[in-house]
C-alpha atoms as a PDB file:
ATOM      1  CA  UNK A   1     -20.855 -11.057   6.952  1.00  0.00           C
ATOM      2  CA  UNK A   2     -17.576 -12.722   5.962  1.00  0.00           C
ATOM      3  CA  UNK A   3     -14.382 -10.682   6.424  1.00  0.00           C
ATOM      4  CA  UNK A   4     -12.545  -9.439   3.326  1.00  0.00           C
ATOM      5  CA  UNK A   5      -9.068 -10.903   2.971  1.00  0.00           C
ATOM      6  CA  UNK A   6      -6.341  -9.503   0.735  1.00  0.00           C
ATOM      7  CA  UNK A   7      -2.727 -10.438  -0.072  1.00  0.00           C
ATOM      8  CA  UNK A   8       0.296  -8.144   0.043  1.00  0.00           C
ATOM      9  CA  UNK A   9       1.900  -8.027  -3.390  1.00  0.00           C
ATOM     10  CA  UNK A  10       5.360  -7.839  -1.861  1.00  0.00           C
ATOM     11  CA  UNK A  11       5.571 -10.344   1.006  1.00  0.00           C
ATOM     12  CA  UNK A  12       2.455 -12.367  -0.020  1.00  0.00           C
ATOM     13  CA  UNK A  13       1.008 -12.167   3.529  1.00  0.00           C
ATOM     14  CA  UNK A  14      -2.755 -12.668   3.717  1.00  0.00           C
ATOM     15  CA  UNK A  15      -4.718 -10.477   6.104  1.00  0.00           C
ATOM     16  CA  UNK A  16      -7.816  -8.387   6.559  1.00  0.00           C
ATOM     17  CA  UNK A  17      -8.394  -5.654   4.010  1.00  0.00           C
ATOM     18  CA  UNK A  18      -8.017  -2.943   6.677  1.00  0.00           C
ATOM     19  CA  UNK A  19      -4.428  -4.035   7.433  1.00  0.00           C
ATOM     20  CA  UNK A  20      -3.169  -3.017   3.971  1.00  0.00           C
ATOM     21  CA  UNK A  21      -2.779   0.103   1.856  1.00  0.00           C
ATOM     22  CA  UNK A  22      -4.777   0.071  -1.376  1.00  0.00           C
ATOM     23  CA  UNK A  23      -3.325   1.380  -4.624  1.00  0.00           C
ATOM     24  CA  UNK A  24      -5.781   1.714  -7.525  1.00  0.00           C
ATOM     25  CA  UNK A  25      -5.478   2.083 -11.293  1.00  0.00           C
ATOM     26  CA  UNK A  26      -8.655   4.030 -11.970  1.00  0.00           C
ATOM     27  CA  UNK A  27     -10.873   3.030 -14.867  1.00  0.00           C
ATOM     28  CA  UNK A  28     -10.967   4.430 -17.591  1.00  0.00           C
ATOM     29  CA  UNK A  29      -8.335   7.157 -17.055  1.00  0.00           C
ATOM     30  CA  UNK A  30      -5.601   4.618 -16.089  1.00  0.00           C
ATOM     31  CA  UNK A  31      -4.296   6.984 -13.387  1.00  0.00           C
ATOM     32  CA  UNK A  32      -2.718   5.322 -10.367  1.00  0.00           C
ATOM     33  CA  UNK A  33      -3.755   6.700  -6.966  1.00  0.00           C
ATOM     34  CA  UNK A  34      -4.103   5.784  -3.305  1.00  0.00           C
ATOM     35  CA  UNK A  35      -7.175   4.426  -1.521  1.00  0.00           C
ATOM     36  CA  UNK A  36     -10.034   5.647  -3.656  1.00  0.00           C
ATOM     37  CA  UNK A  37     -11.654   4.900  -6.967  1.00  0.00           C
ATOM     38  CA  UNK A  38     -12.901   1.897  -8.884  1.00  0.00           C
ATOM     39  CA  UNK A  39     -10.616  -0.188 -10.997  1.00  0.00           C
ATOM     40  CA  UNK A  40      -7.722  -2.598 -10.693  1.00  0.00           C
ATOM     41  CA  UNK A  41      -6.359  -2.644  -7.137  1.00  0.00           C
ATOM     42  CA  UNK A  42      -3.209  -3.843  -5.438  1.00  0.00           C
ATOM     43  CA  UNK A  43      -2.566  -4.107  -1.705  1.00  0.00           C
ATOM     44  CA  UNK A  44       0.666  -3.639   0.218  1.00  0.00           C
ATOM     45  CA  UNK A  45       1.645  -4.002   3.879  1.00  0.00           C
ATOM     46  CA  UNK A  46       2.549  -0.750   5.662  1.00  0.00           C
ATOM     47  CA  UNK A  47       6.134  -1.947   6.292  1.00  0.00           C
ATOM     48  CA  UNK A  48       9.516  -0.694   5.122  1.00  0.00           C
ATOM     49  CA  UNK A  49      10.578  -4.067   3.709  1.00  0.00           C
ATOM     50  CA  UNK A  50       7.416  -4.476   1.630  1.00  0.00           C
ATOM     51  CA  UNK A  51       7.531  -0.954   0.244  1.00  0.00           C
ATOM     52  CA  UNK A  52      11.250  -1.215  -0.590  1.00  0.00           C
ATOM     53  CA  UNK A  53      10.774  -4.518  -2.420  1.00  0.00           C
ATOM     54  CA  UNK A  54       7.699  -3.290  -4.281  1.00  0.00           C
ATOM     55  CA  UNK A  55       9.511  -0.177  -5.478  1.00  0.00           C
ATOM     56  CA  UNK A  56      12.765  -1.915  -6.362  1.00  0.00           C
ATOM     57  CA  UNK A  57      11.138  -4.756  -8.312  1.00  0.00           C
ATOM     58  CA  UNK A  58       8.300  -2.643  -9.790  1.00  0.00           C
ATOM     59  CA  UNK A  59       5.694  -4.945  -8.272  1.00  0.00           C
ATOM     60  CA  UNK A  60       3.024  -2.251  -8.177  1.00  0.00           C
ATOM     61  CA  UNK A  61       3.476  -1.476 -11.858  1.00  0.00           C
ATOM     62  CA  UNK A  62       3.323  -5.129 -12.858  1.00  0.00           C
ATOM     63  CA  UNK A  63       0.311  -5.824 -10.681  1.00  0.00           C
ATOM     64  CA  UNK A  64      -1.645  -2.809 -11.923  1.00  0.00           C
ATOM     65  CA  UNK A  65      -0.501  -3.102 -15.567  1.00  0.00           C
ATOM     66  CA  UNK A  66       0.410   0.597 -15.509  1.00  0.00           C
ATOM     67  CA  UNK A  67       3.333   2.871 -14.763  1.00  0.00           C
ATOM     68  CA  UNK A  68       3.396   4.036 -11.158  1.00  0.00           C
ATOM     69  CA  UNK A  69       4.465   7.680 -10.734  1.00  0.00           C
ATOM     70  CA  UNK A  70       7.329   8.489  -8.380  1.00  0.00           C
ATOM     71  CA  UNK A  71       5.006  10.880  -6.512  1.00  0.00           C
ATOM     72  CA  UNK A  72       2.895   7.900  -5.423  1.00  0.00           C
ATOM     73  CA  UNK A  73       5.940   6.173  -3.929  1.00  0.00           C
ATOM     74  CA  UNK A  74       6.840   9.434  -2.156  1.00  0.00           C
ATOM     75  CA  UNK A  75       3.316   9.591  -0.696  1.00  0.00           C
ATOM     76  CA  UNK A  76       3.626   5.984   0.501  1.00  0.00           C
ATOM     77  CA  UNK A  77       6.992   6.686   2.157  1.00  0.00           C
ATOM     78  CA  UNK A  78       5.540   9.774   3.877  1.00  0.00           C
ATOM     79  CA  UNK A  79       2.550   7.749   5.085  1.00  0.00           C
ATOM     80  CA  UNK A  80       4.916   5.081   6.398  1.00  0.00           C
ATOM     81  CA  UNK A  81       6.993   7.684   8.248  1.00  0.00           C
ATOM     82  CA  UNK A  82       3.861   9.188   9.818  1.00  0.00           C
ATOM     83  CA  UNK A  83       2.517   5.801  10.886  1.00  0.00           C
ATOM     84  CA  UNK A  84       5.914   4.923  12.382  1.00  0.00           C
ATOM     85  CA  UNK A  85       5.949   8.131  14.414  1.00  0.00           C
ATOM     86  CA  UNK A  86       2.419   7.538  15.704  1.00  0.00           C
ATOM     87  CA  UNK A  87       3.352   3.967  16.725  1.00  0.00           C
ATOM     88  CA  UNK A  88       6.388   5.306  18.637  1.00  0.00           C
ATOM     89  CA  UNK A  89       4.184   7.838  20.433  1.00  0.00           C
ATOM     90  CA  UNK A  90       1.581   5.179  21.287  1.00  0.00           C
ATOM     91  CA  UNK A  91       4.223   2.789  22.630  1.00  0.00           C
ATOM     92  CA  UNK A  92       5.802   5.501  24.775  1.00  0.00           C
ATOM     93  CA  UNK A  93       2.382   6.408  26.238  1.00  0.00           C
ATOM     94  CA  UNK A  94       1.741   2.769  27.092  1.00  0.00           C
ATOM     95  CA  UNK A  95       4.868   2.552  29.265  1.00  0.00           C
END
């Protein structure tokens, strides 16, 4: 089976679907949420620079054709902080 490639809406990097976070505008309720549901999707790299640019330039809102609640950005920042801490722990265990 062919791998699924996606593009980050912020830095335009192409990679495997598993490398990105998925943000979905659910059909028909038009609610914007993380990772689950059917509808219009946008993908973003789990990096500070991509998340900052996406929030500052409203790239998620433009891509999804919907307003993105501030709570969703807060959840993304928390997820980024948690993934950064786990990477630090993994790198310290490797040494």
